[in-house]
Amino acid sequence: MENIERVKQQLKEHHLEDRYIELPASTATVALAAQAIGCEEGLIAKTLSFNTKSGPIVIVVMGTARIDNKKFKEYFKEKASFLKGEEVPNLTGHPIGGVCPFGLKEGVKIYLDESLKKYPYTYPAAGAANNAVKLTIEELQNITRGIWVDVCK
């Protein structure tokens, strides 16, 4: 799986390759990931993919957070439009259930929602439906160079 190798390479570049976790159970949803890792759902980082006028973007949010359409529209100046299922792998480089802010296709902009700051660390996916990475919020920001936004309820 070339996308997982891209993820691992990005982690290695930041000396965080030891944070990669492969699990025997599915991590495709927040509930499954929390169960597989053994943590509360808020510690899981959801990476949501959207289509915008300027191209595809991902927004990483706390596992229990939900997008606030009004805040999204205020910030991005357009209505929130999720990528369609079949578009996700082609535009992000990752399968549904494994979309993460690492190893993305070129041109995908990364945003980090303020909801992530509720906890000192988080578990984003790592390119497949059975893996994750444990990172502090600062490490996540450093690796992704994501832009902080406040677009959740």
N, C-alpha and C. Protein backbone atom coordinates (compact mmCIF):
# COMPACT_ATOMS: atom_id res chain seq x y z
N MET A 1 0.85 -1.20 0.00
CA MET A 1 0.00 0.00 0.00
C MET A 1 0.88 1.24 0.00
N GLU A 2 0.93 1.87 -1.12
CA GLU A 2 1.83 3.01 -1.24
C GLU A 2 1.42 4.18 -0.35
N ASN A 3 0.12 4.37 -0.07
CA ASN A 3 -0.29 5.50 0.76
C ASN A 3 0.21 5.34 2.20
N ILE A 4 0.23 4.11 2.72
CA ILE A 4 0.74 3.89 4.08
C ILE A 4 2.24 4.16 4.12
N GLU A 5 2.93 3.82 3.06
CA GLU A 5 4.36 4.12 3.00
C GLU A 5 4.61 5.63 3.00
N ARG A 6 3.74 6.38 2.33
CA ARG A 6 3.86 7.86 2.35
C ARG A 6 3.66 8.38 3.77
N VAL A 7 2.68 7.81 4.46
CA VAL A 7 2.42 8.22 5.85
C VAL A 7 3.64 7.92 6.71
N LYS A 8 4.15 6.70 6.62
CA LYS A 8 5.32 6.31 7.43
C LYS A 8 6.53 7.18 7.11
N GLN A 9 6.71 7.53 5.85
CA GLN A 9 7.83 8.38 5.46
C GLN A 9 7.71 9.76 6.09
N GLN A 10 6.50 10.31 6.07
CA GLN A 10 6.28 11.63 6.67
C GLN A 10 6.56 11.58 8.18
N LEU A 11 6.11 10.51 8.85
CA LEU A 11 6.38 10.36 10.28
C LEU A 11 7.88 10.25 10.52
N LYS A 12 8.56 9.48 9.69
CA LYS A 12 10.01 9.29 9.82
C LYS A 12 10.76 10.61 9.68
N GLU A 13 10.33 11.44 8.75
CA GLU A 13 10.96 12.75 8.54
C GLU A 13 10.90 13.62 9.80
N HIS A 14 9.92 13.34 10.66
CA HIS A 14 9.75 14.10 11.90
C HIS A 14 10.19 13.28 13.12
N HIS A 15 10.88 12.17 12.87
CA HIS A 15 11.39 11.28 13.93
C HIS A 15 10.28 10.75 14.82
N LEU A 16 9.13 10.45 14.21
CA LEU A 16 7.97 9.96 14.95
C LEU A 16 7.47 8.62 14.41
N GLU A 17 8.32 7.90 13.68
CA GLU A 17 7.89 6.63 13.10
C GLU A 17 7.49 5.61 14.16
N ASP A 18 8.01 5.75 15.38
CA ASP A 18 7.65 4.82 16.45
C ASP A 18 6.23 5.05 16.98
N ARG A 19 5.56 6.10 16.54
CA ARG A 19 4.18 6.38 16.97
C ARG A 19 3.14 5.66 16.12
N TYR A 20 3.58 5.08 15.01
CA TYR A 20 2.66 4.37 14.11
C TYR A 20 2.17 3.11 14.82
N ILE A 21 0.84 2.89 14.78
CA ILE A 21 0.22 1.73 15.42
C ILE A 21 -0.60 0.98 14.39
N GLU A 22 -0.34 -0.31 14.23
CA GLU A 22 -1.18 -1.14 13.38
C GLU A 22 -2.00 -2.02 14.31
N LEU A 23 -3.29 -2.09 14.06
CA LEU A 23 -4.20 -2.80 14.98
C LEU A 23 -4.87 -3.99 14.30
N PRO A 24 -5.20 -5.02 15.08
CA PRO A 24 -5.88 -6.18 14.51
C PRO A 24 -7.35 -5.93 14.20
N ALA A 25 -7.92 -4.87 14.78
CA ALA A 25 -9.34 -4.55 14.58
C ALA A 25 -9.48 -3.29 13.72
N SER A 26 -10.67 -3.09 13.20
CA SER A 26 -10.95 -1.94 12.36
C SER A 26 -10.91 -0.64 13.15
N THR A 27 -10.40 0.40 12.52
CA THR A 27 -10.40 1.75 13.07
C THR A 27 -11.14 2.70 12.12
N ALA A 28 -12.01 2.12 11.28
CA ALA A 28 -12.66 2.87 10.21
C ALA A 28 -13.64 3.94 10.69
N THR A 29 -14.15 3.80 11.91
CA THR A 29 -15.04 4.84 12.47
C THR A 29 -14.46 5.27 13.80
N VAL A 30 -14.93 6.38 14.33
CA VAL A 30 -14.46 6.87 15.62
C VAL A 30 -14.73 5.82 16.70
N ALA A 31 -15.93 5.25 16.72
CA ALA A 31 -16.27 4.26 17.74
C ALA A 31 -15.38 3.03 17.65
N LEU A 32 -15.16 2.53 16.43
CA LEU A 32 -14.30 1.35 16.26
C LEU A 32 -12.86 1.66 16.63
N ALA A 33 -12.37 2.85 16.25
CA ALA A 33 -11.00 3.23 16.58
C ALA A 33 -10.81 3.34 18.09
N ALA A 34 -11.76 3.96 18.77
CA ALA A 34 -11.66 4.11 20.23
C ALA A 34 -11.66 2.73 20.90
N GLN A 35 -12.49 1.83 20.39
CA GLN A 35 -12.56 0.48 20.94
C GLN A 35 -11.24 -0.27 20.69
N ALA A 36 -10.72 -0.19 19.48
CA ALA A 36 -9.49 -0.90 19.12
C ALA A 36 -8.29 -0.37 19.91
N ILE A 37 -8.23 0.95 20.11
CA ILE A 37 -7.10 1.56 20.82
C ILE A 37 -7.28 1.47 22.33
N GLY A 38 -8.55 1.49 22.78
CA GLY A 38 -8.83 1.44 24.21
C GLY A 38 -8.82 2.83 24.83
N CYS A 39 -9.48 3.77 24.15
CA CYS A 39 -9.54 5.15 24.65
C CYS A 39 -10.93 5.71 24.43
N GLU A 40 -11.17 6.90 24.94
CA GLU A 40 -12.48 7.52 24.71
C GLU A 40 -12.54 8.11 23.30
N GLU A 41 -13.74 8.24 22.77
CA GLU A 41 -13.94 8.68 21.40
C GLU A 41 -13.38 10.07 21.13
N GLY A 42 -13.36 10.94 22.13
CA GLY A 42 -12.84 12.29 21.94
C GLY A 42 -11.36 12.32 21.59
N LEU A 43 -10.62 11.28 21.95
CA LEU A 43 -9.19 11.22 21.67
C LEU A 43 -8.88 10.82 20.22
N ILE A 44 -9.89 10.32 19.53
CA ILE A 44 -9.71 9.96 18.12
C ILE A 44 -9.81 11.24 17.30
N ALA A 45 -8.94 11.38 16.32
CA ALA A 45 -9.01 12.54 15.41
C ALA A 45 -9.67 12.10 14.12
N LYS A 46 -10.80 12.70 13.79
CA LYS A 46 -11.47 12.43 12.51
C LYS A 46 -10.89 13.35 11.47
N THR A 47 -10.58 12.81 10.31
CA THR A 47 -10.13 13.63 9.19
C THR A 47 -11.25 13.65 8.16
N LEU A 48 -11.91 14.78 8.06
CA LEU A 48 -13.05 14.94 7.17
C LEU A 48 -12.59 15.58 5.87
N SER A 49 -13.07 15.05 4.75
CA SER A 49 -12.63 15.58 3.45
C SER A 49 -13.77 16.30 2.75
N PHE A 50 -13.44 17.49 2.24
CA PHE A 50 -14.41 18.36 1.59
C PHE A 50 -13.94 18.79 0.21
N ASN A 51 -14.91 19.13 -0.61
CA ASN A 51 -14.63 19.72 -1.90
C ASN A 51 -14.88 21.21 -1.76
N THR A 52 -13.93 22.03 -2.17
CA THR A 52 -14.13 23.47 -2.14
C THR A 52 -13.82 24.04 -3.53
N LYS A 53 -14.17 25.28 -3.72
CA LYS A 53 -13.90 25.94 -5.00
C LYS A 53 -12.42 25.93 -5.34
N SER A 54 -11.57 25.92 -4.30
CA SER A 54 -10.12 25.94 -4.54
C SER A 54 -9.51 24.54 -4.51
N GLY A 55 -10.36 23.50 -4.46
CA GLY A 55 -9.86 22.12 -4.48
C GLY A 55 -10.18 21.38 -3.19
N PRO A 56 -9.74 20.11 -3.11
CA PRO A 56 -10.05 19.31 -1.93
C PRO A 56 -9.28 19.78 -0.69
N ILE A 57 -9.95 19.69 0.45
CA ILE A 57 -9.32 20.01 1.73
C ILE A 57 -9.66 18.90 2.72
N VAL A 58 -8.87 18.80 3.77
CA VAL A 58 -9.23 17.95 4.90
C VAL A 58 -9.23 18.81 6.15
N ILE A 59 -10.16 18.50 7.03
CA ILE A 59 -10.22 19.17 8.33
C ILE A 59 -10.15 18.08 9.39
N VAL A 60 -9.17 18.17 10.26
CA VAL A 60 -9.01 17.21 11.34
C VAL A 60 -9.74 17.77 12.55
N VAL A 61 -10.66 16.97 13.10
CA VAL A 61 -11.48 17.42 14.23
C VAL A 61 -11.45 16.36 15.33
N MET A 62 -11.79 16.76 16.55
CA MET A 62 -11.92 15.83 17.65
C MET A 62 -12.99 14.79 17.31
N GLY A 63 -12.80 13.56 17.74
CA GLY A 63 -13.68 12.45 17.38
C GLY A 63 -15.16 12.67 17.61
N THR A 64 -15.52 13.39 18.65
CA THR A 64 -16.94 13.59 18.96
C THR A 64 -17.48 14.91 18.40
N ALA A 65 -16.63 15.68 17.74
CA ALA A 65 -17.05 16.99 17.21
C ALA A 65 -17.83 16.82 15.91
N ARG A 66 -18.65 17.82 15.64
CA ARG A 66 -19.42 17.85 14.39
C ARG A 66 -19.20 19.21 13.72
N ILE A 67 -19.18 19.19 12.40
CA ILE A 67 -19.01 20.44 11.65
C ILE A 67 -20.22 21.34 11.88
N ASP A 68 -19.96 22.61 12.12
CA ASP A 68 -20.99 23.62 12.24
C ASP A 68 -21.06 24.30 10.87
N ASN A 69 -22.13 24.06 10.14
CA ASN A 69 -22.25 24.58 8.77
C ASN A 69 -22.12 26.10 8.69
N LYS A 70 -22.64 26.79 9.69
CA LYS A 70 -22.57 28.26 9.69
C LYS A 70 -21.11 28.71 9.84
N LYS A 71 -20.38 28.12 10.78
CA LYS A 71 -18.97 28.47 10.98
C LYS A 71 -18.14 28.11 9.75
N PHE A 72 -18.45 26.96 9.14
CA PHE A 72 -17.73 26.53 7.93
C PHE A 72 -17.91 27.58 6.84
N LYS A 73 -19.16 27.99 6.63
CA LYS A 73 -19.46 28.96 5.56
C LYS A 73 -18.82 30.31 5.86
N GLU A 74 -18.82 30.72 7.13
CA GLU A 74 -18.19 31.99 7.50
C GLU A 74 -16.69 31.96 7.18
N TYR A 75 -16.02 30.86 7.48
CA TYR A 75 -14.58 30.78 7.28
C TYR A 75 -14.21 30.58 5.81
N PHE A 76 -14.84 29.59 5.17
CA PHE A 76 -14.45 29.23 3.80
C PHE A 76 -15.22 29.98 2.72
N LYS A 77 -16.23 30.74 3.12
CA LYS A 77 -17.03 31.55 2.18
C LYS A 77 -17.78 30.68 1.16
N GLU A 78 -18.11 29.46 1.58
CA GLU A 78 -18.93 28.56 0.77
C GLU A 78 -19.53 27.49 1.67
N LYS A 79 -20.55 26.83 1.16
CA LYS A 79 -21.25 25.79 1.90
C LYS A 79 -20.36 24.54 1.99
N ALA A 80 -20.42 23.85 3.14
CA ALA A 80 -19.66 22.62 3.33
C ALA A 80 -20.17 21.53 2.39
N SER A 81 -19.26 20.94 1.64
CA SER A 81 -19.63 19.88 0.70
C SER A 81 -18.61 18.74 0.84
N PHE A 82 -19.06 17.65 1.49
CA PHE A 82 -18.17 16.50 1.68
C PHE A 82 -17.84 15.88 0.33
N LEU A 83 -16.63 15.31 0.22
CA LEU A 83 -16.29 14.55 -0.97
C LEU A 83 -17.24 13.36 -1.05
N LYS A 84 -17.62 12.98 -2.23
CA LYS A 84 -18.44 11.78 -2.42
C LYS A 84 -17.55 10.56 -2.21
N GLY A 85 -18.13 9.46 -1.76
CA GLY A 85 -17.38 8.26 -1.44
C GLY A 85 -16.36 7.84 -2.48
N GLU A 86 -16.78 7.83 -3.75
CA GLU A 86 -15.88 7.38 -4.82
C GLU A 86 -14.76 8.39 -5.09
N GLU A 87 -14.95 9.65 -4.68
CA GLU A 87 -13.93 10.69 -4.90
C GLU A 87 -12.81 10.64 -3.85
N VAL A 88 -13.13 10.12 -2.66
CA VAL A 88 -12.20 10.18 -1.53
C VAL A 88 -10.82 9.62 -1.86
N PRO A 89 -10.70 8.35 -2.31
CA PRO A 89 -9.35 7.83 -2.59
C PRO A 89 -8.62 8.58 -3.70
N ASN A 90 -9.35 8.96 -4.75
CA ASN A 90 -8.72 9.66 -5.88
C ASN A 90 -8.21 11.04 -5.51
N LEU A 91 -8.95 11.76 -4.67
CA LEU A 91 -8.57 13.13 -4.35
C LEU A 91 -7.66 13.25 -3.12
N THR A 92 -7.79 12.32 -2.15
CA THR A 92 -6.96 12.42 -0.94
C THR A 92 -5.76 11.49 -0.99
N GLY A 93 -5.89 10.37 -1.71
CA GLY A 93 -4.83 9.38 -1.72
C GLY A 93 -5.01 8.30 -0.66
N HIS A 94 -6.13 8.37 0.09
CA HIS A 94 -6.40 7.40 1.14
C HIS A 94 -7.80 6.83 0.99
N PRO A 95 -8.00 5.57 1.44
CA PRO A 95 -9.33 4.97 1.37
C PRO A 95 -10.25 5.53 2.46
N ILE A 96 -11.55 5.41 2.26
CA ILE A 96 -12.51 5.78 3.29
C ILE A 96 -12.20 4.93 4.52
N GLY A 97 -12.21 5.55 5.69
CA GLY A 97 -11.87 4.84 6.92
C GLY A 97 -10.39 4.96 7.26
N GLY A 98 -9.59 5.46 6.30
CA GLY A 98 -8.17 5.62 6.54
C GLY A 98 -7.67 7.01 6.18
N VAL A 99 -8.61 7.91 5.86
CA VAL A 99 -8.21 9.26 5.48
C VAL A 99 -7.54 9.92 6.69
N CYS A 100 -6.38 10.50 6.44
CA CYS A 100 -5.61 11.12 7.51
C CYS A 100 -4.90 12.35 6.96
N PRO A 101 -4.31 13.17 7.84
CA PRO A 101 -3.64 14.38 7.37
C PRO A 101 -2.18 14.17 6.97
N PHE A 102 -1.78 12.91 6.75
CA PHE A 102 -0.41 12.60 6.37
C PHE A 102 -0.40 11.92 5.01
N GLY A 103 0.64 12.15 4.23
CA GLY A 103 0.78 11.46 2.95
C GLY A 103 -0.35 11.73 1.98
N LEU A 104 -0.91 12.92 2.05
CA LEU A 104 -2.01 13.28 1.16
C LEU A 104 -1.49 13.56 -0.24
N LYS A 105 -2.41 13.49 -1.20
CA LYS A 105 -2.05 13.87 -2.57
C LYS A 105 -1.69 15.35 -2.58
N GLU A 106 -0.81 15.71 -3.49
CA GLU A 106 -0.37 17.09 -3.59
C GLU A 106 -1.56 18.02 -3.85
N GLY A 107 -1.54 19.16 -3.19
CA GLY A 107 -2.58 20.15 -3.39
C GLY A 107 -3.72 20.10 -2.40
N VAL A 108 -3.79 19.04 -1.57
CA VAL A 108 -4.86 18.96 -0.57
C VAL A 108 -4.44 19.82 0.62
N LYS A 109 -5.26 20.82 0.94
CA LYS A 109 -4.96 21.70 2.06
C LYS A 109 -5.44 21.07 3.36
N ILE A 110 -4.66 21.28 4.43
CA ILE A 110 -4.96 20.67 5.73
C ILE A 110 -5.34 21.75 6.74
N TYR A 111 -6.45 21.50 7.42
CA TYR A 111 -6.92 22.38 8.48
C TYR A 111 -7.08 21.56 9.76
N LEU A 112 -6.80 22.19 10.89
CA LEU A 112 -6.94 21.54 12.20
C LEU A 112 -7.97 22.33 12.99
N ASP A 113 -9.01 21.65 13.46
CA ASP A 113 -10.05 22.35 14.20
C ASP A 113 -9.67 22.52 15.66
N GLU A 114 -10.09 23.65 16.22
CA GLU A 114 -9.81 23.98 17.62
C GLU A 114 -10.31 22.90 18.59
N SER A 115 -11.29 22.10 18.18
CA SER A 115 -11.82 21.05 19.06
C SER A 115 -10.73 20.06 19.49
N LEU A 116 -9.70 19.90 18.66
CA LEU A 116 -8.59 18.99 18.98
C LEU A 116 -7.86 19.40 20.25
N LYS A 117 -7.89 20.67 20.59
CA LYS A 117 -7.14 21.19 21.72
C LYS A 117 -7.73 20.81 23.08
N LYS A 118 -8.86 20.10 23.07
CA LYS A 118 -9.47 19.68 24.34
C LYS A 118 -8.58 18.67 25.06
N TYR A 119 -7.80 17.91 24.30
CA TYR A 119 -6.93 16.88 24.87
C TYR A 119 -5.47 17.19 24.51
N PRO A 120 -4.52 16.71 25.31
CA PRO A 120 -3.11 16.97 25.01
C PRO A 120 -2.57 16.13 23.85
N TYR A 121 -3.24 15.04 23.53
CA TYR A 121 -2.82 14.18 22.42
C TYR A 121 -4.04 13.62 21.71
N THR A 122 -3.80 13.02 20.55
CA THR A 122 -4.89 12.49 19.73
C THR A 122 -4.41 11.33 18.89
N TYR A 123 -5.35 10.58 18.35
CA TYR A 123 -5.05 9.43 17.50
C TYR A 123 -5.68 9.61 16.12
N PRO A 124 -4.98 10.22 15.17
CA PRO A 124 -5.50 10.25 13.80
C PRO A 124 -5.23 8.91 13.11
N ALA A 125 -5.99 8.64 12.06
CA ALA A 125 -5.75 7.45 11.24
C ALA A 125 -4.39 7.62 10.56
N ALA A 126 -3.93 6.53 9.92
CA ALA A 126 -2.62 6.57 9.27
C ALA A 126 -2.66 5.95 7.88
N GLY A 127 -3.78 6.13 7.17
CA GLY A 127 -3.84 5.69 5.78
C GLY A 127 -4.55 4.38 5.52
N ALA A 128 -5.05 3.72 6.56
CA ALA A 128 -5.79 2.47 6.38
C ALA A 128 -6.87 2.37 7.45
N ALA A 129 -7.75 1.39 7.30
CA ALA A 129 -8.87 1.23 8.24
C ALA A 129 -8.49 0.34 9.43
N ASN A 130 -7.19 0.20 9.70
CA ASN A 130 -6.76 -0.57 10.88
C ASN A 130 -5.46 -0.03 11.47
N ASN A 131 -5.27 1.28 11.36
CA ASN A 131 -4.05 1.85 11.95
C ASN A 131 -4.32 3.24 12.51
N ALA A 132 -3.33 3.77 13.23
CA ALA A 132 -3.44 5.08 13.84
C ALA A 132 -2.04 5.57 14.19
N VAL A 133 -1.98 6.80 14.66
CA VAL A 133 -0.74 7.40 15.13
C VAL A 133 -1.08 8.16 16.41
N LYS A 134 -0.29 7.97 17.46
CA LYS A 134 -0.52 8.75 18.68
C LYS A 134 0.41 9.96 18.66
N LEU A 135 -0.18 11.16 18.66
CA LEU A 135 0.59 12.39 18.58
C LEU A 135 0.06 13.43 19.56
N THR A 136 0.96 14.26 20.06
CA THR A 136 0.49 15.42 20.82
C THR A 136 -0.11 16.40 19.79
N ILE A 137 -0.87 17.33 20.28
CA ILE A 137 -1.48 18.32 19.38
C ILE A 137 -0.38 19.14 18.70
N GLU A 138 0.69 19.45 19.43
CA GLU A 138 1.81 20.20 18.85
C GLU A 138 2.49 19.40 17.75
N GLU A 139 2.69 18.10 17.98
CA GLU A 139 3.31 17.25 16.96
C GLU A 139 2.44 17.18 15.71
N LEU A 140 1.12 17.04 15.91
CA LEU A 140 0.20 17.01 14.78
C LEU A 140 0.32 18.29 13.96
N GLN A 141 0.39 19.42 14.62
CA GLN A 141 0.51 20.70 13.94
C GLN A 141 1.84 20.80 13.20
N ASN A 142 2.92 20.37 13.84
CA ASN A 142 4.24 20.44 13.22
C ASN A 142 4.34 19.55 11.98
N ILE A 143 3.79 18.35 12.05
CA ILE A 143 3.88 17.41 10.93
C ILE A 143 3.03 17.87 9.75
N THR A 144 1.81 18.30 10.04
CA THR A 144 0.86 18.63 8.97
C THR A 144 1.00 20.05 8.46
N ARG A 145 1.52 20.94 9.29
CA ARG A 145 1.54 22.37 8.97
C ARG A 145 0.12 22.86 8.71
N GLY A 146 -0.83 22.22 9.39
CA GLY A 146 -2.24 22.56 9.22
C GLY A 146 -2.57 23.95 9.74
N ILE A 147 -3.59 24.53 9.16
CA ILE A 147 -4.06 25.86 9.54
C ILE A 147 -5.18 25.67 10.57
N TRP A 148 -5.06 26.35 11.72
CA TRP A 148 -6.07 26.23 12.76
C TRP A 148 -7.35 26.98 12.36
N VAL A 149 -8.47 26.30 12.54
CA VAL A 149 -9.79 26.88 12.26
C VAL A 149 -10.74 26.51 13.40
N ASP A 150 -11.86 27.19 13.47
CA ASP A 150 -12.91 26.87 14.44
C ASP A 150 -14.19 26.68 13.64
N VAL A 151 -14.42 25.44 13.20
CA VAL A 151 -15.59 25.16 12.34
C VAL A 151 -16.48 24.04 12.89
N CYS A 152 -16.32 23.72 14.18
CA CYS A 152 -17.17 22.69 14.79
C CYS A 152 -18.12 23.30 15.80
N LYS A 153 -19.17 22.54 16.10
CA LYS A 153 -20.18 22.97 17.08
C LYS A 153 -19.59 22.88 18.48
